[in-house]
Amino acid sequence: MKKEILKIEKKSIAEEMGIEAGDWLISINDIAIVDIFDYRLCCREEYLEVLVEKADGEQWLLEIDKDEDEELGLVFENDLMDNMRGCGNKCLFCFIDQNPLGMRDSLYFKDDDYRLSFLHGNYITLTNMTKADVERILKHRISPINISIHATCPKLRVEMMGNPQAGRSLDFLKDLADGGIALSLQIVLCKGYNDGENLDKTIYDLSRYIPRGGAGCSLAVVPVGLTKHREGLTQLEPFDKESCQAVIEQITSWQGKLLKEIGTRFVFIADEFYLKAGHPLPKCDEYEDFLQIDNGIGMLRAFKDEFYEELAHTKAFVPSEKITIATGVAAAPFIRHLAGKVSQDIDVVAIKNDFYGRHITVAGLLTGQDIAKQLADRELGERVLLPSSCLKAGEDVFLDDMTLEELSRKVGRQVIVVDGEGLDFVEALMA
């Protein structure tokens, strides 16, 4: 299970020892390296025996003395140091199945790897896991783990996920919970399937695994995302204002019960439900530790509170130039309200999603082509602000592969990306 070394960091231990790009790492302290977790665990030791195979097949056993936190300087092809596990499910709500043809290859890959769950926040389903995988998670203390549950009724979970293993794989939850792994759980809510009484059952069942006080465990309920590209897929109904309000009332009731019973609200509602229902956001302390903020749970509350706090410490300021903010339909009224606290000369444009369809209203699924088209005939002012969620993580590229530079050229204005915090928003408005 040797691992090819892609490159060597300058002035590192590896460079000093004569290890080169193209060499192969075979073992450390006689332990075969499966992935990054084995590698990190072994490298904590201050004395290492590193077995390396050179390009000509010669093997070197290198003895290394180092500080505990000192890196070797080896760089591998990917940060997992292993192949990613794919998903074997056929979920009736899968968003990837709703992508149109012609997008970049990575947008069609369905990962279901518990290691990526820890490293990048991906959600897994447990259906491809074994007892050995659970033991490995416990051994390496891989926590938290993000898990998509959807339903705890085995028959319903099998139906929704299109996998006969889907019901039995829930047995691993108890092993993980008993082992002290923080469980970050998720329900993608689909009308007529896992809502209503089935949602009640799932919330109750999952709350039985959670230690008193939560211990870093939480459950997110998010609405199913439905694009216009659903030919041949199961017919699903989107959530409207009334059904969103019903979900809020149902889950709020559970929060009160669980807070009294186990000391945590445990289950939290996606911001999108509040926006669509026109319902006020919960107060900051009602999100407890914001454990699922990266899943769209409490992001708007944190943003709003940070915005007002920063505004209170900022001198009175009115932009000398007109500013345009482009965002998704769902968040546009929210952003418009906040922007109005700074100046009435800030134009907030709700970009309709023609690429995926009008049921998709979040900013994170907007494309460059939709933004460019809908800003084309507007009086934009001097600059355009855009939430960073529109772009691929770490890159200036939209879902349709248009670059930020291309968008700026198309709209004839500088397009400035704003990170998803209230502080960044105030600073961008006042720049």
Protein backbone atom coordinates (compact mmCIF):
# COMPACT_ATOMS: atom_id res chain seq x y z
CA MET A 1 0.00 0.00 0.00
CA LYS A 2 2.83 2.35 -0.89
CA LYS A 3 2.12 6.03 -1.53
CA GLU A 4 3.75 8.04 -4.29
CA ILE A 5 5.42 11.25 -3.15
CA LEU A 6 4.39 14.13 -5.40
CA LYS A 7 6.91 16.70 -4.17
CA ILE A 8 9.19 17.65 -1.30
CA GLU A 9 8.90 20.88 0.67
CA LYS A 10 11.96 23.09 0.64
CA LYS A 11 14.29 22.98 3.66
CA SER A 12 12.32 20.07 5.14
CA ILE A 13 13.49 16.90 6.86
CA ALA A 14 12.60 14.92 3.75
CA GLU A 15 14.82 17.12 1.57
CA GLU A 16 17.70 16.76 4.02
CA MET A 17 17.30 12.96 3.97
CA GLY A 18 17.49 12.81 0.18
CA ILE A 19 13.86 11.85 -0.46
CA GLU A 20 12.73 13.05 -3.89
CA ALA A 21 9.53 13.57 -5.85
CA GLY A 22 8.60 10.27 -7.50
CA ASP A 23 9.81 8.18 -4.55
CA TRP A 24 7.33 5.94 -2.73
CA LEU A 25 6.52 5.91 0.98
CA ILE A 26 6.16 2.27 2.09
CA SER A 27 5.88 2.46 5.88
CA ILE A 28 6.66 4.46 9.02
CA ASN A 29 7.84 2.56 12.09
CA ASP A 30 6.90 -0.64 10.25
CA ILE A 31 3.27 0.50 9.89
CA ALA A 32 1.76 0.51 6.40
CA ILE A 33 0.17 3.85 5.59
CA VAL A 34 -3.46 3.53 4.44
CA ASP A 35 -4.34 7.22 4.42
CA ILE A 36 -3.64 10.61 5.96
CA PHE A 37 -4.85 9.49 9.40
CA ASP A 38 -2.25 6.71 9.62
CA TYR A 39 0.37 9.13 8.35
CA ARG A 40 -0.47 11.81 10.93
CA LEU A 41 -0.62 9.30 13.77
CA CYS A 42 2.80 7.87 12.93
CA CYS A 43 4.38 11.29 12.44
CA ARG A 44 3.53 12.33 15.99
CA GLU A 45 6.40 10.16 17.19
CA GLU A 46 9.75 11.84 17.77
CA TYR A 47 11.73 8.86 16.46
CA LEU A 48 10.75 7.50 13.06
CA GLU A 49 11.99 4.71 10.84
CA VAL A 50 10.77 5.68 7.38
CA LEU A 51 10.94 3.09 4.60
CA VAL A 52 11.12 4.70 1.16
CA GLU A 53 11.39 3.11 -2.28
CA LYS A 54 13.40 5.07 -4.83
CA ALA A 55 12.47 5.35 -8.51
CA ASP A 56 14.96 2.57 -9.43
CA GLY A 57 13.40 0.16 -6.91
CA GLU A 58 16.09 0.55 -4.23
CA GLN A 59 14.67 0.80 -0.70
CA TRP A 60 16.02 3.17 1.94
CA LEU A 61 15.32 2.80 5.65
CA LEU A 62 15.79 6.25 7.13
CA GLU A 63 16.14 6.92 10.86
CA ILE A 64 14.76 10.32 11.82
CA ASP A 65 14.81 12.18 15.13
CA LYS A 66 12.51 15.19 15.22
CA ASP A 67 10.26 17.32 17.38
CA GLU A 68 6.77 15.97 18.00
CA ASP A 69 5.04 18.68 15.95
CA GLU A 70 7.69 18.83 13.20
CA GLU A 71 6.51 17.86 9.69
CA LEU A 72 8.48 15.58 7.36
CA GLY A 73 7.77 17.73 4.32
CA LEU A 74 6.24 15.04 2.11
CA VAL A 75 3.48 16.11 -0.28
CA PHE A 76 1.14 13.54 -1.82
CA GLU A 77 -1.28 13.59 -4.75
CA ASN A 78 -4.29 14.43 -2.57
CA ASP A 79 -4.83 15.34 1.06
CA LEU A 80 -6.56 12.02 1.73
CA MET A 81 -3.57 9.96 0.54
CA ASP A 82 -6.02 7.37 -0.76
CA ASN A 83 -8.80 6.88 -3.28
CA MET A 84 -12.13 8.48 -2.37
CA ARG A 85 -15.06 6.19 -1.66
CA GLY A 86 -18.01 6.70 -3.96
CA CYS A 87 -21.70 6.53 -3.10
CA GLY A 88 -23.68 3.40 -3.95
CA ASN A 89 -27.07 4.93 -3.16
CA LYS A 90 -29.78 6.06 -5.56
CA CYS A 91 -31.43 8.69 -3.39
CA LEU A 92 -34.69 9.97 -4.84
CA PHE A 93 -33.68 13.53 -3.83
CA CYS A 94 -30.00 13.44 -4.87
CA PHE A 95 -28.93 16.88 -6.10
CA ILE A 96 -26.10 15.52 -8.24
CA ASP A 97 -28.63 13.58 -10.32
CA GLN A 98 -30.28 16.94 -11.04
CA ASN A 99 -27.21 18.53 -12.60
CA PRO A 100 -27.50 19.22 -16.33
CA LEU A 101 -25.01 17.73 -18.77
CA GLY A 102 -21.80 19.54 -19.66
CA MET A 103 -20.57 20.63 -16.23
CA ARG A 104 -17.11 19.87 -14.84
CA ASP A 105 -16.53 16.22 -13.92
CA SER A 106 -16.14 16.82 -10.20
CA LEU A 107 -19.78 17.96 -9.96
CA TYR A 108 -20.97 14.48 -10.95
CA PHE A 109 -18.91 12.51 -8.44
CA LYS A 110 -20.88 11.23 -5.46
CA ASP A 111 -18.49 10.83 -2.55
CA ASP A 112 -19.45 8.85 0.54
CA ASP A 113 -16.19 8.76 2.47
CA TYR A 114 -16.10 9.18 6.26
CA ARG A 115 -12.58 10.58 6.05
CA LEU A 116 -13.69 13.41 3.76
CA SER A 117 -16.54 14.03 6.17
CA PHE A 118 -13.99 14.93 8.82
CA LEU A 119 -11.55 16.73 6.52
CA HIS A 120 -13.99 18.76 4.42
CA GLY A 121 -17.39 18.56 6.10
CA ASN A 122 -18.96 16.21 3.53
CA TYR A 123 -22.00 14.19 4.59
CA ILE A 124 -21.88 10.40 4.48
CA THR A 125 -24.68 7.83 4.62
CA LEU A 126 -23.01 4.83 6.39
CA THR A 127 -24.25 2.45 3.66
CA ASN A 128 -20.75 1.53 2.43
CA MET A 129 -19.22 1.23 5.89
CA THR A 130 -18.11 -1.88 7.76
CA LYS A 131 -17.44 -2.69 11.38
CA ALA A 132 -13.73 -2.22 10.62
CA ASP A 133 -14.42 1.33 9.43
CA VAL A 134 -16.18 2.13 12.71
CA GLU A 135 -13.24 0.71 14.66
CA ARG A 136 -10.88 2.85 12.59
CA ILE A 137 -12.92 5.98 13.33
CA LEU A 138 -12.77 5.21 17.04
CA LYS A 139 -9.05 4.42 16.90
CA HIS A 140 -8.14 7.70 15.21
CA ARG A 141 -10.80 9.71 17.05
CA ILE A 142 -12.20 11.01 13.75
CA SER A 143 -14.76 13.41 15.15
CA PRO A 144 -17.14 14.98 14.32
CA ILE A 145 -18.63 12.84 11.57
CA ASN A 146 -21.34 14.32 9.32
CA ILE A 147 -24.05 11.77 8.56
CA SER A 148 -27.14 12.02 6.35
CA ILE A 149 -29.93 10.10 8.07
CA HIS A 150 -33.19 11.24 6.41
CA ALA A 151 -35.28 8.64 8.26
CA THR A 152 -34.77 6.11 11.05
CA CYS A 153 -37.57 3.84 9.83
CA PRO A 154 -35.50 1.18 8.02
CA LYS A 155 -38.09 0.58 5.30
CA LEU A 156 -38.48 4.31 4.58
CA ARG A 157 -34.73 4.90 4.56
CA VAL A 158 -34.25 2.06 2.07
CA GLU A 159 -36.98 3.54 -0.14
CA MET A 160 -35.59 7.07 -0.03
CA MET A 161 -31.97 6.05 -0.57
CA GLY A 162 -32.50 3.21 -3.03
CA ASN A 163 -30.11 0.93 -1.17
CA PRO A 164 -31.03 -2.27 0.70
CA GLN A 165 -28.19 -1.57 3.15
CA ALA A 166 -29.67 1.78 4.16
CA GLY A 167 -31.76 0.39 7.04
CA ARG A 168 -29.14 -1.89 8.56
CA SER A 169 -26.34 0.69 8.34
CA LEU A 170 -28.04 2.78 11.02
CA ASP A 171 -26.80 0.22 13.56
CA PHE A 172 -23.38 1.90 13.30
CA LEU A 173 -24.78 5.07 14.87
CA LYS A 174 -24.93 3.50 18.32
CA ASP A 175 -21.32 2.30 18.09
CA LEU A 176 -20.15 5.78 17.09
CA ALA A 177 -22.21 7.51 19.76
CA ASP A 178 -21.10 5.06 22.47
CA GLY A 179 -17.50 5.64 21.36
CA GLY A 180 -17.81 9.37 22.04
CA ILE A 181 -17.82 10.49 18.41
CA ALA A 182 -19.67 13.77 17.90
CA LEU A 183 -22.49 13.14 15.42
CA SER A 184 -23.43 15.96 13.07
CA LEU A 185 -26.63 14.57 11.57
CA GLN A 186 -28.80 15.72 8.70
CA ILE A 187 -32.31 15.18 7.35
CA VAL A 188 -33.09 16.25 3.80
CA LEU A 189 -36.81 16.78 4.19
CA CYS A 190 -39.06 15.60 1.36
CA LYS A 191 -42.79 16.29 1.41
CA GLY A 192 -44.86 13.13 1.57
CA TYR A 193 -41.90 10.96 2.58
CA ASN A 194 -39.96 11.76 5.75
CA ASP A 195 -42.01 14.71 7.00
CA GLY A 196 -44.94 14.75 9.46
CA GLU A 197 -45.08 11.69 11.72
CA ASN A 198 -41.98 10.22 10.12
CA LEU A 199 -40.03 13.36 11.04
CA ASP A 200 -41.28 13.05 14.63
CA LYS A 201 -40.06 9.46 14.78
CA THR A 202 -36.66 10.30 13.31
CA ILE A 203 -36.05 13.21 15.71
CA TYR A 204 -37.08 11.09 18.70
CA ASP A 205 -34.99 8.06 17.65
CA LEU A 206 -31.85 10.09 17.00
CA SER A 207 -32.17 12.02 20.25
CA ARG A 208 -31.84 8.69 22.11
CA TYR A 209 -28.19 8.47 21.00
CA ILE A 210 -27.26 11.90 22.32
CA PRO A 211 -25.64 12.33 25.75
CA ARG A 212 -27.21 14.86 28.07
CA GLY A 213 -26.08 18.32 27.01
CA GLY A 214 -25.46 17.23 23.43
CA ALA A 215 -21.69 16.59 23.61
CA GLY A 216 -21.22 18.27 20.23
CA CYS A 217 -24.03 16.29 18.58
CA SER A 218 -26.76 17.95 16.55
CA LEU A 219 -29.39 17.33 13.89
CA ALA A 220 -30.08 19.65 10.94
CA VAL A 221 -33.32 19.62 8.97
CA VAL A 222 -32.87 21.09 5.48
CA PRO A 223 -35.39 21.32 2.62
CA VAL A 224 -34.94 19.19 -0.48
CA GLY A 225 -33.42 21.08 -3.39
CA LEU A 226 -35.31 20.60 -6.65
CA THR A 227 -33.88 21.72 -9.98
CA LYS A 228 -35.64 21.77 -13.35
CA HIS A 229 -33.43 18.89 -14.51
CA ARG A 230 -35.45 16.01 -13.02
CA GLU A 231 -36.43 14.08 -16.12
CA GLY A 232 -37.08 10.45 -15.19
CA LEU A 233 -36.66 11.12 -11.46
CA THR A 234 -39.18 10.74 -8.65
CA GLN A 235 -41.77 13.50 -8.57
CA LEU A 236 -41.20 15.66 -5.49
CA GLU A 237 -43.02 18.75 -4.30
CA PRO A 238 -41.14 21.88 -3.16
CA PHE A 239 -41.82 23.52 0.20
CA ASP A 240 -43.97 26.64 0.05
CA LYS A 241 -44.60 29.32 2.67
CA GLU A 242 -47.30 27.36 4.52
CA SER A 243 -45.43 24.05 4.62
CA CYS A 244 -42.25 25.81 5.77
CA GLN A 245 -44.20 27.39 8.62
CA ALA A 246 -45.57 23.97 9.60
CA VAL A 247 -42.05 22.50 9.71
CA ILE A 248 -40.84 25.40 11.89
CA GLU A 249 -43.69 24.88 14.36
CA GLN A 250 -43.13 21.11 14.49
CA ILE A 251 -39.40 21.33 15.11
CA THR A 252 -39.67 24.26 17.54
CA SER A 253 -41.96 22.06 19.64
CA TRP A 254 -39.32 19.33 19.64
CA GLN A 255 -36.63 21.81 20.64
CA GLY A 256 -38.56 22.75 23.77
CA LYS A 257 -39.11 19.11 24.74
CA LEU A 258 -35.51 18.05 24.17
CA LEU A 259 -34.05 21.07 25.95
CA LYS A 260 -35.89 20.01 29.11
CA GLU A 261 -35.13 16.32 28.66
CA ILE A 262 -31.48 16.18 27.55
CA GLY A 263 -30.26 19.75 28.02
CA THR A 264 -29.98 20.64 24.34
CA ARG A 265 -32.40 21.59 21.58
CA PHE A 266 -30.48 19.06 19.45
CA VAL A 267 -32.51 19.60 16.25
CA PHE A 268 -32.14 22.81 14.26
CA ILE A 269 -33.89 24.30 11.25
CA ALA A 270 -32.23 25.45 8.02
CA ASP A 271 -32.31 29.20 7.43
CA GLU A 272 -34.11 28.56 4.15
CA PHE A 273 -37.26 27.46 6.00
CA TYR A 274 -37.40 30.78 7.90
CA LEU A 275 -36.83 32.81 4.74
CA LYS A 276 -39.52 31.04 2.74
CA ALA A 277 -42.01 31.21 5.62
CA GLY A 278 -41.28 34.87 6.29
CA HIS A 279 -40.71 33.81 9.89
CA PRO A 280 -38.35 35.71 12.27
CA LEU A 281 -35.00 34.09 12.87
CA PRO A 282 -34.39 32.53 16.30
CA LYS A 283 -32.21 34.44 18.74
CA CYS A 284 -28.49 33.73 18.85
CA ASP A 285 -28.58 31.58 22.01
CA GLU A 286 -31.27 29.37 20.48
CA TYR A 287 -28.64 28.05 18.05
CA GLU A 288 -26.52 27.01 21.03
CA ASP A 289 -22.99 26.51 19.66
CA PHE A 290 -23.88 26.95 15.95
CA LEU A 291 -22.65 23.41 15.32
CA GLN A 292 -24.17 23.26 11.86
CA ILE A 293 -23.58 26.78 10.62
CA ASP A 294 -21.72 25.46 7.55
CA ASN A 295 -24.90 23.56 6.68
CA GLY A 296 -26.95 26.75 6.51
CA ILE A 297 -28.15 26.53 10.11
CA GLY A 298 -27.90 29.88 11.90
CA MET A 299 -25.75 31.50 9.24
CA LEU A 300 -28.16 34.42 8.80
CA ARG A 301 -28.53 34.99 12.54
CA ALA A 302 -24.76 35.10 13.01
CA PHE A 303 -24.43 37.37 9.97
CA LYS A 304 -27.09 39.76 11.22
CA ASP A 305 -25.70 40.02 14.74
CA GLU A 306 -22.15 40.58 13.45
CA PHE A 307 -23.45 43.22 11.04
CA TYR A 308 -25.17 45.26 13.74
CA GLU A 309 -22.25 44.89 16.15
CA GLU A 310 -19.78 46.13 13.56
CA LEU A 311 -22.10 48.92 12.45
CA ALA A 312 -22.40 50.12 16.04
CA HIS A 313 -18.62 50.55 16.20
CA THR A 314 -18.32 52.27 12.85
CA LYS A 315 -18.54 56.01 12.35
CA ALA A 316 -21.57 57.26 10.45
CA PHE A 317 -20.87 56.62 6.80
CA VAL A 318 -22.74 56.96 3.55
CA PRO A 319 -21.07 55.49 0.44
CA SER A 320 -20.10 58.20 -2.04
CA GLU A 321 -20.97 55.92 -4.92
CA LYS A 322 -23.83 53.63 -5.82
CA ILE A 323 -23.28 49.95 -4.96
CA THR A 324 -25.04 46.91 -6.39
CA ILE A 325 -25.34 43.68 -4.43
CA ALA A 326 -26.29 40.49 -6.29
CA THR A 327 -27.56 37.55 -4.26
CA GLY A 328 -30.06 34.70 -4.32
CA VAL A 329 -33.81 35.23 -4.28
CA ALA A 330 -34.20 33.72 -0.79
CA ALA A 331 -31.72 36.03 0.95
CA ALA A 332 -32.37 39.20 -1.06
CA PRO A 333 -35.01 40.72 1.29
CA PHE A 334 -32.76 39.99 4.28
CA ILE A 335 -29.72 41.61 2.63
CA ARG A 336 -31.82 44.52 1.37
CA HIS A 337 -32.99 45.26 4.92
CA LEU A 338 -29.45 45.30 6.28
CA ALA A 339 -28.03 47.34 3.41
CA GLY A 340 -30.75 49.94 4.03
CA LYS A 341 -29.27 50.53 7.48
CA VAL A 342 -26.14 51.86 5.77
CA SER A 343 -27.56 53.69 2.77
CA GLN A 344 -30.67 53.87 0.62
CA ASP A 345 -28.39 54.08 -2.43
CA ILE A 346 -27.49 50.39 -2.34
CA ASP A 347 -29.32 48.28 -4.93
CA VAL A 348 -29.87 44.64 -3.93
CA VAL A 349 -30.68 42.46 -6.93
CA ALA A 350 -32.35 39.07 -6.44
CA ILE A 351 -30.83 36.82 -9.13
CA LYS A 352 -33.33 34.26 -10.38
CA ASN A 353 -31.84 30.84 -11.04
CA ASP A 354 -32.54 30.05 -14.68
CA PHE A 355 -29.72 27.49 -14.84
CA TYR A 356 -31.20 25.16 -12.21
CA GLY A 357 -34.77 26.48 -12.18
CA ARG A 358 -36.74 28.95 -10.12
CA HIS A 359 -37.24 26.56 -7.17
CA ILE A 360 -33.52 26.99 -6.41
CA THR A 361 -33.25 30.27 -4.53
CA VAL A 362 -29.97 30.11 -2.59
CA ALA A 363 -26.94 32.20 -3.58
CA GLY A 364 -24.61 29.22 -3.40
CA LEU A 365 -26.14 27.69 -6.54
CA LEU A 366 -26.06 30.75 -8.77
CA THR A 367 -24.09 30.65 -12.01
CA GLY A 368 -22.02 33.34 -13.64
CA GLN A 369 -24.24 33.34 -16.74
CA ASP A 370 -27.41 34.06 -14.74
CA ILE A 371 -25.74 36.85 -12.80
CA ALA A 372 -24.28 38.42 -15.95
CA LYS A 373 -27.56 38.26 -17.87
CA GLN A 374 -29.68 39.75 -15.10
CA LEU A 375 -27.25 42.57 -14.33
CA ALA A 376 -26.74 43.46 -18.01
CA ASP A 377 -29.40 46.15 -18.35
CA ARG A 378 -29.18 47.68 -14.87
CA GLU A 379 -27.55 50.86 -13.64
CA LEU A 380 -24.89 49.20 -11.50
CA GLY A 381 -22.95 52.05 -9.99
CA GLU A 382 -19.23 51.72 -9.46
CA ARG A 383 -18.96 48.19 -8.08
CA VAL A 384 -20.88 44.96 -7.63
CA LEU A 385 -20.74 42.86 -4.45
CA LEU A 386 -21.32 39.12 -4.54
CA PRO A 387 -21.39 36.49 -1.73
CA SER A 388 -18.41 34.14 -1.74
CA SER A 389 -20.77 31.14 -1.60
CA CYS A 390 -21.37 31.64 -5.34
CA LEU A 391 -17.82 30.49 -6.08
CA LYS A 392 -16.00 27.18 -5.90
CA ALA A 393 -14.20 26.93 -2.56
CA GLY A 394 -10.75 28.47 -2.81
CA GLU A 395 -11.20 29.49 -6.46
CA ASP A 396 -12.72 32.37 -8.45
CA VAL A 397 -14.92 30.04 -10.52
CA PHE A 398 -18.71 29.68 -10.68
CA LEU A 399 -20.64 26.43 -11.13
CA ASP A 400 -20.80 27.00 -14.90
CA ASP A 401 -17.00 27.53 -14.99
CA MET A 402 -17.28 31.25 -15.68
CA THR A 403 -14.50 33.04 -13.81
CA LEU A 404 -14.89 36.10 -11.63
CA GLU A 405 -12.74 38.03 -14.10
CA GLU A 406 -15.04 37.03 -16.97
CA LEU A 407 -18.09 38.18 -15.00
CA SER A 408 -16.46 41.54 -14.30
CA ARG A 409 -15.82 42.00 -18.01
CA LYS A 410 -19.39 41.05 -18.93
CA VAL A 411 -21.03 43.48 -16.50
CA GLY A 412 -18.43 46.19 -17.07
CA ARG A 413 -17.80 46.69 -13.36
CA GLN A 414 -15.44 45.37 -10.73
CA VAL A 415 -17.11 42.43 -8.99
CA ILE A 416 -16.02 42.09 -5.38
CA VAL A 417 -16.53 38.85 -3.48
CA VAL A 418 -17.66 39.21 0.14
CA ASP A 419 -17.12 36.46 2.72
CA GLY A 420 -20.15 35.24 4.62
CA GLU A 421 -19.77 37.25 7.82
CA GLY A 422 -21.45 40.46 8.90
CA LEU A 423 -18.09 42.12 9.55
CA ASP A 424 -16.96 41.46 5.98
CA PHE A 425 -20.26 42.83 4.65
CA VAL A 426 -19.94 46.13 6.52
CA GLU A 427 -16.31 46.52 5.45
CA ALA A 428 -17.22 45.83 1.81
CA LEU A 429 -19.99 48.44 1.86
CA MET A 430 -17.71 51.04 3.36
CA ALA A 431 -14.58 50.30 1.35
